[in-house]
PDB file of N, CA and C in Angstrom:
ATOM      1  N   MET A   1     104.790 -88.652 -48.481  1.00  0.00           N
ATOM      2  CA  MET A   1     103.997 -87.529 -48.824  1.00  0.00           C
ATOM      3  C   MET A   1     104.482 -86.008 -48.321  1.00  0.00           C
ATOM      4  N   THR A   2     104.817 -84.560 -48.800  1.00  0.00           N
ATOM      5  CA  THR A   2     105.305 -83.822 -47.764  1.00  0.00           C
ATOM      6  C   THR A   2     104.234 -82.707 -48.408  1.00  0.00           C
ATOM      7  N   ALA A   3     103.985 -81.314 -47.089  1.00  0.00           N
ATOM      8  CA  ALA A   3     103.748 -80.520 -47.417  1.00  0.00           C
ATOM      9  C   ALA A   3     103.529 -80.018 -49.055  1.00  0.00           C
ATOM     10  N   GLU A   4     104.527 -79.768 -49.446  1.00  0.00           N
ATOM     11  CA  GLU A   4     104.432 -79.337 -50.496  1.00  0.00           C
ATOM     12  C   GLU A   4     103.387 -80.136 -51.543  1.00  0.00           C
ATOM     13  N   ASP A   5     103.893 -80.944 -51.248  1.00  0.00           N
ATOM     14  CA  ASP A   5     102.915 -82.118 -52.458  1.00  0.00           C
ATOM     15  C   ASP A   5     101.275 -82.099 -52.210  1.00  0.00           C
ATOM     16  N   ILE A   6     100.778 -81.699 -51.042  1.00  0.00           N
ATOM     17  CA  ILE A   6      99.270 -81.175 -51.100  1.00  0.00           C
ATOM     18  C   ILE A   6      98.498 -79.800 -51.913  1.00  0.00           C
ATOM     19  N   LYS A   7      97.688 -80.945 -52.548  1.00  0.00           N
ATOM     20  CA  LYS A   7      97.774 -79.675 -53.460  1.00  0.00           C
ATOM     21  C   LYS A   7      95.696 -79.219 -53.707  1.00  0.00           C
ATOM     22  N   THR A   8      95.304 -80.313 -52.708  1.00  0.00           N
ATOM     23  CA  THR A   8      93.793 -80.335 -52.512  1.00  0.00           C
ATOM     24  C   THR A   8      93.400 -81.001 -50.893  1.00  0.00           C
ATOM     25  N   VAL A   9      92.622 -80.267 -50.452  1.00  0.00           N
ATOM     26  CA  VAL A   9      92.423 -80.678 -49.032  1.00  0.00           C
ATOM     27  C   VAL A   9      90.822 -80.722 -49.272  1.00  0.00           C
ATOM     28  N   ALA A  10      90.298 -81.465 -47.991  1.00  0.00           N
ATOM     29  CA  ALA A  10      89.300 -82.299 -47.534  1.00  0.00           C
ATOM     30  C   ALA A  10      88.666 -81.574 -46.619  1.00  0.00           C
ATOM     31  N   VAL A  11      87.757 -80.639 -46.047  1.00  0.00           N
ATOM     32  CA  VAL A  11      87.420 -80.408 -44.587  1.00  0.00           C
ATOM     33  C   VAL A  11      85.927 -80.591 -44.409  1.00  0.00           C
ATOM     34  N   LEU A  12      85.647 -82.290 -43.557  1.00  0.00           N
ATOM     35  CA  LEU A  12      84.769 -82.523 -42.631  1.00  0.00           C
ATOM     36  C   LEU A  12      83.956 -81.982 -41.892  1.00  0.00           C
ATOM     37  N   GLY A  13      82.990 -81.369 -42.227  1.00  0.00           N
ATOM     38  CA  GLY A  13      82.208 -80.199 -41.216  1.00  0.00           C
ATOM     39  C   GLY A  13      82.117 -79.653 -42.074  1.00  0.00           C
ATOM     40  N   ALA A  14      81.198 -78.427 -41.375  1.00  0.00           N
ATOM     41  CA  ALA A  14      80.952 -76.882 -42.709  1.00  0.00           C
ATOM     42  C   ALA A  14      80.144 -75.963 -41.322  1.00  0.00           C
ATOM     43  N   GLY A  15      81.011 -76.419 -39.786  1.00  0.00           N
ATOM     44  CA  GLY A  15      80.060 -75.478 -38.713  1.00  0.00           C
ATOM     45  C   GLY A  15      81.414 -74.720 -39.180  1.00  0.00           C
ATOM     46  N   THR A  16      81.283 -74.007 -37.696  1.00  0.00           N
ATOM     47  CA  THR A  16      82.280 -72.916 -37.169  1.00  0.00           C
ATOM     48  C   THR A  16      83.951 -72.978 -38.154  1.00  0.00           C
ATOM     49  N   MET A  17      84.156 -73.795 -37.238  1.00  0.00           N
ATOM     50  CA  MET A  17      85.199 -74.674 -37.252  1.00  0.00           C
ATOM     51  C   MET A  17      85.855 -75.016 -38.630  1.00  0.00           C
ATOM     52  N   GLY A  18      84.946 -75.705 -39.399  1.00  0.00           N
ATOM     53  CA  GLY A  18      85.372 -76.456 -40.728  1.00  0.00           C
ATOM     54  C   GLY A  18      85.137 -75.184 -41.903  1.00  0.00           C
ATOM     55  N   ASN A  19      84.353 -74.172 -41.961  1.00  0.00           N
ATOM     56  CA  ASN A  19      84.401 -73.322 -42.561  1.00  0.00           C
ATOM     57  C   ASN A  19      85.827 -72.350 -42.187  1.00  0.00           C
ATOM     58  N   GLY A  20      85.959 -72.066 -41.470  1.00  0.00           N
ATOM     59  CA  GLY A  20      86.901 -71.488 -40.728  1.00  0.00           C
ATOM     60  C   GLY A  20      88.613 -72.507 -42.107  1.00  0.00           C
ATOM     61  N   ILE A  21      88.188 -73.673 -41.427  1.00  0.00           N
ATOM     62  CA  ILE A  21      89.516 -74.376 -41.848  1.00  0.00           C
ATOM     63  C   ILE A  21      90.112 -73.954 -43.400  1.00  0.00           C
ATOM     64  N   ALA A  22      88.382 -74.176 -44.119  1.00  0.00           N
ATOM     65  CA  ALA A  22      88.028 -74.358 -45.067  1.00  0.00           C
ATOM     66  C   ALA A  22      88.942 -73.084 -46.104  1.00  0.00           C
ATOM     67  N   HIS A  23      88.568 -71.783 -45.541  1.00  0.00           N
ATOM     68  CA  HIS A  23      88.769 -70.911 -45.729  1.00  0.00           C
ATOM     69  C   HIS A  23      90.348 -70.191 -45.657  1.00  0.00           C
ATOM     70  N   VAL A  24      91.032 -70.822 -44.715  1.00  0.00           N
ATOM     71  CA  VAL A  24      92.368 -70.496 -44.239  1.00  0.00           C
ATOM     72  C   VAL A  24      93.454 -71.544 -45.293  1.00  0.00           C
ATOM     73  N   PHE A  25      92.950 -72.607 -45.865  1.00  0.00           N
ATOM     74  CA  PHE A  25      93.113 -73.670 -47.097  1.00  0.00           C
ATOM     75  C   PHE A  25      93.598 -72.837 -48.148  1.00  0.00           C
ATOM     76  N   ALA A  26      92.036 -72.335 -48.703  1.00  0.00           N
ATOM     77  CA  ALA A  26      91.939 -71.581 -49.950  1.00  0.00           C
ATOM     78  C   ALA A  26      92.637 -70.515 -49.931  1.00  0.00           C
ATOM     79  N   ARG A  27      92.675 -69.922 -48.483  1.00  0.00           N
ATOM     80  CA  ARG A  27      93.852 -68.290 -48.742  1.00  0.00           C
ATOM     81  C   ARG A  27      95.120 -69.086 -48.963  1.00  0.00           C
ATOM     82  N   ARG A  28      95.676 -70.302 -48.969  1.00  0.00           N
ATOM     83  CA  ARG A  28      97.014 -70.509 -49.460  1.00  0.00           C
ATOM     84  C   ARG A  28      96.810 -71.264 -50.617  1.00  0.00           C
ATOM     85  N   ARG A  29      96.031 -70.975 -51.198  1.00  0.00           N
ATOM     86  CA  ARG A  29      96.337 -71.230 -52.951  1.00  0.00           C
ATOM     87  C   ARG A  29      95.911 -72.922 -53.136  1.00  0.00           C
ATOM     88  N   LEU A  30      95.095 -73.384 -52.264  1.00  0.00           N
ATOM     89  CA  LEU A  30      95.174 -75.286 -52.220  1.00  0.00           C
ATOM     90  C   LEU A  30      93.489 -75.159 -52.465  1.00  0.00           C
ATOM     91  N   GLN A  31      93.273 -76.158 -53.364  1.00  0.00           N
ATOM     92  CA  GLN A  31      91.793 -76.082 -53.824  1.00  0.00           C
ATOM     93  C   GLN A  31      91.482 -76.930 -52.015  1.00  0.00           C
ATOM     94  N   SER A  32      89.928 -76.317 -52.174  1.00  0.00           N
ATOM     95  CA  SER A  32      89.750 -76.959 -50.718  1.00  0.00           C
ATOM     96  C   SER A  32      88.177 -77.371 -50.703  1.00  0.00           C
ATOM     97  N   HIS A  33      88.119 -78.139 -50.320  1.00  0.00           N
ATOM     98  CA  HIS A  33      86.361 -79.092 -50.447  1.00  0.00           C
ATOM     99  C   HIS A  33      86.317 -79.537 -48.934  1.00  0.00           C
ATOM    100  N   SER A  34      84.627 -77.984 -48.489  1.00  0.00           N
ATOM    101  CA  SER A  34      83.694 -78.737 -47.728  1.00  0.00           C
ATOM    102  C   SER A  34      82.930 -79.455 -47.663  1.00  0.00           C
ATOM    103  N   ALA A  35      82.938 -80.604 -46.997  1.00  0.00           N
ATOM    104  CA  ALA A  35      81.532 -81.662 -47.245  1.00  0.00           C
ATOM    105  C   ALA A  35      80.812 -81.791 -45.853  1.00  0.00           C
ATOM    106  N   ARG A  36      79.654 -82.010 -46.002  1.00  0.00           N
ATOM    107  CA  ARG A  36      78.873 -81.857 -44.809  1.00  0.00           C
ATOM    108  C   ARG A  36      77.271 -82.765 -46.055  1.00  0.00           C
ATOM    109  N   CYS A  37      77.015 -83.237 -44.611  1.00  0.00           N
ATOM    110  CA  CYS A  37      75.896 -84.568 -45.664  1.00  0.00           C
ATOM    111  C   CYS A  37      74.608 -83.380 -45.456  1.00  0.00           C
ATOM    112  N   ARG A  38      74.364 -82.503 -44.975  1.00  0.00           N
ATOM    113  CA  ARG A  38      73.275 -81.784 -44.790  1.00  0.00           C
ATOM    114  C   ARG A  38      73.688 -80.565 -46.086  1.00  0.00           C
ATOM    115  N   THR A  39      72.239 -80.183 -46.756  1.00  0.00           N
ATOM    116  CA  THR A  39      73.206 -79.388 -48.096  1.00  0.00           C
ATOM    117  C   THR A  39      72.991 -77.712 -47.138  1.00  0.00           C
ATOM    118  N   THR A  40      72.382 -77.786 -46.437  1.00  0.00           N
ATOM    119  CA  THR A  40      71.678 -76.603 -45.543  1.00  0.00           C
ATOM    120  C   THR A  40      73.428 -75.801 -44.794  1.00  0.00           C
ATOM    121  N   LEU A  41      73.933 -76.610 -44.323  1.00  0.00           N
ATOM    122  CA  LEU A  41      75.367 -77.056 -43.491  1.00  0.00           C
ATOM    123  C   LEU A  41      76.172 -76.217 -44.279  1.00  0.00           C
ATOM    124  N   VAL A  42      76.347 -76.961 -45.522  1.00  0.00           N
ATOM    125  CA  VAL A  42      77.085 -76.536 -46.113  1.00  0.00           C
ATOM    126  C   VAL A  42      76.954 -75.437 -46.628  1.00  0.00           C
ATOM    127  N   ASP A  43      76.091 -74.851 -47.365  1.00  0.00           N
ATOM    128  CA  ASP A  43      75.753 -74.085 -48.229  1.00  0.00           C
ATOM    129  C   ASP A  43      75.585 -72.464 -47.206  1.00  0.00           C
ATOM    130  N   ARG A  44      75.507 -72.575 -45.828  1.00  0.00           N
ATOM    131  CA  ARG A  44      75.224 -72.049 -45.013  1.00  0.00           C
ATOM    132  C   ARG A  44      77.136 -71.671 -44.520  1.00  0.00           C
ATOM    133  N   GLY A  45      77.595 -72.578 -44.430  1.00  0.00           N
ATOM    134  CA  GLY A  45      79.452 -72.305 -44.439  1.00  0.00           C
ATOM    135  C   GLY A  45      80.255 -71.992 -45.339  1.00  0.00           C
ATOM    136  N   MET A  46      79.508 -72.326 -46.485  1.00  0.00           N
ATOM    137  CA  MET A  46      80.191 -71.216 -47.686  1.00  0.00           C
ATOM    138  C   MET A  46      79.378 -69.475 -48.329  1.00  0.00           C
ATOM    139  N   ASP A  47      78.593 -69.272 -46.945  1.00  0.00           N
ATOM    140  CA  ASP A  47      77.490 -67.611 -47.177  1.00  0.00           C
ATOM    141  C   ASP A  47      78.547 -67.876 -45.917  1.00  0.00           C
ATOM    142  N   THR A  48      79.173 -67.922 -45.118  1.00  0.00           N
ATOM    143  CA  THR A  48      79.876 -67.408 -44.120  1.00  0.00           C
ATOM    144  C   THR A  48      81.366 -66.768 -44.270  1.00  0.00           C
ATOM    145  N   ILE A  49      81.855 -68.049 -45.560  1.00  0.00           N
ATOM    146  CA  ILE A  49      83.546 -67.372 -45.710  1.00  0.00           C
ATOM    147  C   ILE A  49      83.417 -66.230 -46.679  1.00  0.00           C
ATOM    148  N   GLY A  50      81.677 -66.309 -47.681  1.00  0.00           N
ATOM    149  CA  GLY A  50      81.934 -65.466 -48.756  1.00  0.00           C
ATOM    150  C   GLY A  50      81.962 -63.702 -47.661  1.00  0.00           C
ATOM    151  N   GLN A  51      80.993 -64.398 -46.685  1.00  0.00           N
ATOM    152  CA  GLN A  51      80.789 -62.855 -45.800  1.00  0.00           C
ATOM    153  C   GLN A  51      82.456 -62.752 -44.926  1.00  0.00           C
ATOM    154  N   ASN A  52      82.834 -63.343 -44.518  1.00  0.00           N
ATOM    155  CA  ASN A  52      84.241 -63.016 -43.970  1.00  0.00           C
ATOM    156  C   ASN A  52      85.309 -62.705 -45.156  1.00  0.00           C
ATOM    157  N   LEU A  53      85.332 -62.964 -46.310  1.00  0.00           N
ATOM    158  CA  LEU A  53      85.946 -62.658 -47.682  1.00  0.00           C
ATOM    159  C   LEU A  53      85.869 -61.475 -47.491  1.00  0.00           C
ATOM    160  N   ALA A  54      84.676 -60.825 -48.134  1.00  0.00           N
ATOM    161  CA  ALA A  54      84.009 -59.423 -48.255  1.00  0.00           C
ATOM    162  C   ALA A  54      84.665 -58.636 -46.561  1.00  0.00           C
ATOM    163  N   ARG A  55      84.613 -58.886 -45.567  1.00  0.00           N
ATOM    164  CA  ARG A  55      85.321 -58.130 -44.140  1.00  0.00           C
ATOM    165  C   ARG A  55      86.675 -57.630 -44.638  1.00  0.00           C
ATOM    166  N   GLU A  56      87.490 -58.867 -45.263  1.00  0.00           N
ATOM    167  CA  GLU A  56      88.489 -58.394 -45.570  1.00  0.00           C
ATOM    168  C   GLU A  56      88.727 -57.847 -46.740  1.00  0.00           C
ATOM    169  N   VAL A  57      88.077 -57.652 -47.713  1.00  0.00           N
ATOM    170  CA  VAL A  57      88.124 -57.003 -48.674  1.00  0.00           C
ATOM    171  C   VAL A  57      88.024 -55.409 -48.271  1.00  0.00           C
ATOM    172  N   LYS A  58      87.095 -55.379 -47.816  1.00  0.00           N
ATOM    173  CA  LYS A  58      87.143 -53.757 -47.054  1.00  0.00           C
ATOM    174  C   LYS A  58      87.882 -53.563 -45.847  1.00  0.00           C
ATOM    175  N   LYS A  59      88.558 -54.449 -45.366  1.00  0.00           N
ATOM    176  CA  LYS A  59      89.772 -53.644 -44.070  1.00  0.00           C
ATOM    177  C   LYS A  59      91.315 -53.379 -45.152  1.00  0.00           C
ATOM    178  N   GLY A  60      91.085 -54.616 -46.801  1.00  0.00           N
ATOM    179  CA  GLY A  60      92.145 -53.977 -47.178  1.00  0.00           C
ATOM    180  C   GLY A  60      93.479 -54.850 -47.389  1.00  0.00           C
ATOM    181  N   LYS A  61      92.855 -55.958 -45.920  1.00  0.00           N
ATOM    182  CA  LYS A  61      93.936 -57.312 -46.718  1.00  0.00           C
ATOM    183  C   LYS A  61      93.090 -58.501 -47.557  1.00  0.00           C
ATOM    184  N   LEU A  62      92.325 -57.702 -48.763  1.00  0.00           N
ATOM    185  CA  LEU A  62      92.578 -59.115 -49.696  1.00  0.00           C
ATOM    186  C   LEU A  62      91.699 -57.753 -50.718  1.00  0.00           C
ATOM    187  N   THR A  63      92.681 -57.939 -52.166  1.00  0.00           N
ATOM    188  CA  THR A  63      91.735 -57.398 -53.473  1.00  0.00           C
ATOM    189  C   THR A  63      90.413 -58.070 -53.729  1.00  0.00           C
ATOM    190  N   GLU A  64      89.652 -56.856 -54.759  1.00  0.00           N
ATOM    191  CA  GLU A  64      88.750 -58.518 -55.253  1.00  0.00           C
ATOM    192  C   GLU A  64      89.031 -59.736 -55.835  1.00  0.00           C
ATOM    193  N   GLU A  65      90.108 -59.017 -56.816  1.00  0.00           N
ATOM    194  CA  GLU A  65      90.843 -60.402 -57.732  1.00  0.00           C
ATOM    195  C   GLU A  65      91.015 -61.343 -56.301  1.00  0.00           C
ATOM    196  N   GLU A  66      91.639 -60.818 -55.524  1.00  0.00           N
ATOM    197  CA  GLU A  66      91.841 -62.566 -54.709  1.00  0.00           C
ATOM    198  C   GLU A  66      90.738 -62.719 -53.962  1.00  0.00           C
ATOM    199  N   ARG A  67      89.629 -62.383 -53.725  1.00  0.00           N
ATOM    200  CA  ARG A  67      88.848 -62.962 -53.284  1.00  0.00           C
ATOM    201  C   ARG A  67      87.967 -63.507 -54.456  1.00  0.00           C
ATOM    202  N   GLY A  68      87.881 -63.134 -55.208  1.00  0.00           N
ATOM    203  CA  GLY A  68      87.071 -64.472 -56.442  1.00  0.00           C
ATOM    204  C   GLY A  68      88.158 -65.544 -56.581  1.00  0.00           C
ATOM    205  N   ASN A  69      88.995 -65.486 -56.622  1.00  0.00           N
ATOM    206  CA  ASN A  69      90.486 -66.481 -56.980  1.00  0.00           C
ATOM    207  C   ASN A  69      90.067 -67.722 -55.378  1.00  0.00           C
ATOM    208  N   VAL A  70      90.043 -67.070 -54.220  1.00  0.00           N
ATOM    209  CA  VAL A  70      90.305 -67.284 -53.059  1.00  0.00           C
ATOM    210  C   VAL A  70      88.719 -68.530 -53.879  1.00  0.00           C
ATOM    211  N   LEU A  71      87.271 -67.547 -53.488  1.00  0.00           N
ATOM    212  CA  LEU A  71      86.461 -68.478 -53.972  1.00  0.00           C
ATOM    213  C   LEU A  71      86.323 -69.394 -55.093  1.00  0.00           C
ATOM    214  N   GLU A  72      86.760 -69.591 -55.783  1.00  0.00           N
ATOM    215  CA  GLU A  72      87.398 -70.488 -56.785  1.00  0.00           C
ATOM    216  C   GLU A  72      87.836 -71.722 -56.214  1.00  0.00           C
ATOM    217  N   ARG A  73      88.783 -71.983 -55.465  1.00  0.00           N
ATOM    218  CA  ARG A  73      89.325 -72.990 -55.451  1.00  0.00           C
ATOM    219  C   ARG A  73      88.637 -73.645 -53.919  1.00  0.00           C
ATOM    220  N   LEU A  74      87.108 -72.900 -53.616  1.00  0.00           N
ATOM    221  CA  LEU A  74      86.272 -73.437 -52.394  1.00  0.00           C
ATOM    222  C   LEU A  74      85.322 -74.083 -53.465  1.00  0.00           C
ATOM    223  N   LEU A  75      85.054 -75.365 -52.996  1.00  0.00           N
ATOM    224  CA  LEU A  75      83.979 -76.372 -53.248  1.00  0.00           C
ATOM    225  C   LEU A  75      83.318 -77.163 -52.243  1.00  0.00           C
ATOM    226  N   ALA A  76      81.830 -76.760 -52.410  1.00  0.00           N
ATOM    227  CA  ALA A  76      81.055 -77.258 -51.292  1.00  0.00           C
ATOM    228  C   ALA A  76      80.712 -78.780 -51.851  1.00  0.00           C
ATOM    229  N   ARG A  77      80.901 -79.509 -51.486  1.00  0.00           N
ATOM    230  CA  ARG A  77      80.315 -81.165 -51.400  1.00  0.00           C
ATOM    231  C   ARG A  77      79.121 -81.489 -50.366  1.00  0.00           C
ATOM    232  N   HIS A  78      77.903 -82.185 -50.768  1.00  0.00           N
ATOM    233  CA  HIS A  78      77.348 -82.710 -49.443  1.00  0.00           C
ATOM    234  C   HIS A  78      76.966 -83.933 -49.694  1.00  0.00           C
ATOM    235  N   ARG A  79      77.839 -84.455 -50.071  1.00  0.00           N
ATOM    236  CA  ARG A  79      78.152 -86.017 -49.559  1.00  0.00           C
ATOM    237  C   ARG A  79      79.520 -85.918 -49.226  1.00  0.00           C
ATOM    238  N   TYR A  80      80.054 -87.003 -48.875  1.00  0.00           N
ATOM    239  CA  TYR A  80      81.478 -87.281 -48.447  1.00  0.00           C
ATOM    240  C   TYR A  80      82.040 -88.165 -49.241  1.00  0.00           C
ATOM    241  N   PHE A  81      81.226 -89.010 -50.379  1.00  0.00           N
ATOM    242  CA  PHE A  81      82.258 -89.238 -51.141  1.00  0.00           C
ATOM    243  C   PHE A  81      82.885 -89.189 -52.371  1.00  0.00           C
ATOM    244  N   ASN A  82      82.609 -87.682 -52.586  1.00  0.00           N
ATOM    245  CA  ASN A  82      83.195 -86.581 -53.343  1.00  0.00           C
ATOM    246  C   ASN A  82      84.364 -86.131 -53.130  1.00  0.00           C
ATOM    247  N   ILE A  83      84.638 -86.072 -51.775  1.00  0.00           N
ATOM    248  CA  ILE A  83      86.160 -85.929 -51.778  1.00  0.00           C
ATOM    249  C   ILE A  83      87.113 -86.582 -51.753  1.00  0.00           C
ATOM    250  N   ALA A  84      87.061 -88.021 -52.132  1.00  0.00           N
ATOM    251  CA  ALA A  84      88.047 -89.206 -51.766  1.00  0.00           C
ATOM    252  C   ALA A  84      89.099 -88.738 -52.213  1.00  0.00           C
ATOM    253  N   ALA A  85      89.414 -87.904 -53.448  1.00  0.00           N
ATOM    254  CA  ALA A  85      90.634 -87.292 -54.403  1.00  0.00           C
ATOM    255  C   ALA A  85      91.288 -86.572 -53.230  1.00  0.00           C
ATOM    256  N   ALA A  86      91.597 -86.034 -52.570  1.00  0.00           N
ATOM    257  CA  ALA A  86      92.132 -85.315 -51.812  1.00  0.00           C
ATOM    258  C   ALA A  86      93.043 -85.692 -51.277  1.00  0.00           C
ATOM    259  N   ASP A  87      94.106 -85.046 -51.427  1.00  0.00           N
ATOM    260  CA  ASP A  87      95.039 -85.227 -50.777  1.00  0.00           C
ATOM    261  C   ASP A  87      95.508 -85.073 -49.163  1.00  0.00           C
ATOM    262  N   PHE A  88      94.758 -84.178 -48.342  1.00  0.00           N
ATOM    263  CA  PHE A  88      94.823 -83.870 -47.042  1.00  0.00           C
ATOM    264  C   PHE A  88      93.887 -83.973 -46.931  1.00  0.00           C
ATOM    265  N   LEU A  89      93.296 -84.604 -45.668  1.00  0.00           N
ATOM    266  CA  LEU A  89      91.716 -84.433 -44.511  1.00  0.00           C
ATOM    267  C   LEU A  89      91.784 -84.081 -43.639  1.00  0.00           C
ATOM    268  N   VAL A  90      90.853 -83.413 -43.034  1.00  0.00           N
ATOM    269  CA  VAL A  90      90.509 -82.168 -41.513  1.00  0.00           C
ATOM    270  C   VAL A  90      89.137 -82.261 -41.565  1.00  0.00           C
ATOM    271  N   GLU A  91      88.770 -83.207 -39.978  1.00  0.00           N
ATOM    272  CA  GLU A  91      88.010 -83.847 -39.605  1.00  0.00           C
ATOM    273  C   GLU A  91      87.213 -82.795 -38.468  1.00  0.00           C
ATOM    274  N   ALA A  92      86.529 -81.718 -39.057  1.00  0.00           N
ATOM    275  CA  ALA A  92      85.695 -80.825 -37.741  1.00  0.00           C
ATOM    276  C   ALA A  92      84.332 -81.061 -37.631  1.00  0.00           C
ATOM    277  N   VAL A  93      83.781 -82.321 -37.329  1.00  0.00           N
ATOM    278  CA  VAL A  93      82.994 -82.821 -37.224  1.00  0.00           C
ATOM    279  C   VAL A  93      82.338 -82.730 -35.910  1.00  0.00           C
ATOM    280  N   PRO A  94      81.259 -82.227 -35.657  1.00  0.00           N
ATOM    281  CA  PRO A  94      80.662 -81.973 -34.120  1.00  0.00           C
ATOM    282  C   PRO A  94      80.686 -83.691 -33.690  1.00  0.00           C
ATOM    283  N   GLU A  95      80.959 -83.892 -32.102  1.00  0.00           N
ATOM    284  CA  GLU A  95      80.995 -84.937 -31.515  1.00  0.00           C
ATOM    285  C   GLU A  95      79.699 -84.981 -31.237  1.00  0.00           C
ATOM    286  N   LYS A  96      78.522 -85.757 -31.786  1.00  0.00           N
ATOM    287  CA  LYS A  96      77.241 -85.967 -31.162  1.00  0.00           C
ATOM    288  C   LYS A  96      76.764 -87.058 -31.218  1.00  0.00           C
TER     289      LYS A  96
END
């Protein structure tokens, strides 16, 4: 598999690093799945990404249309088994 073959990315962890990683992959036109067992953490991560994208629009780095497209590529998953079909996996889970 080469980098060009990767179409979907799964990010385990939806904290500061996880949502940032998912954000970057989605900006690069890759389908990005963010997963965390606790629903509140996934939702909070998605909210953070939404706020960061809004800030990019305000600064002129992204259009509203592009912002919508990025958000469409982000999929929040509340269980790890939902991401088994991803082409690439990034682990960003705190080591507790």
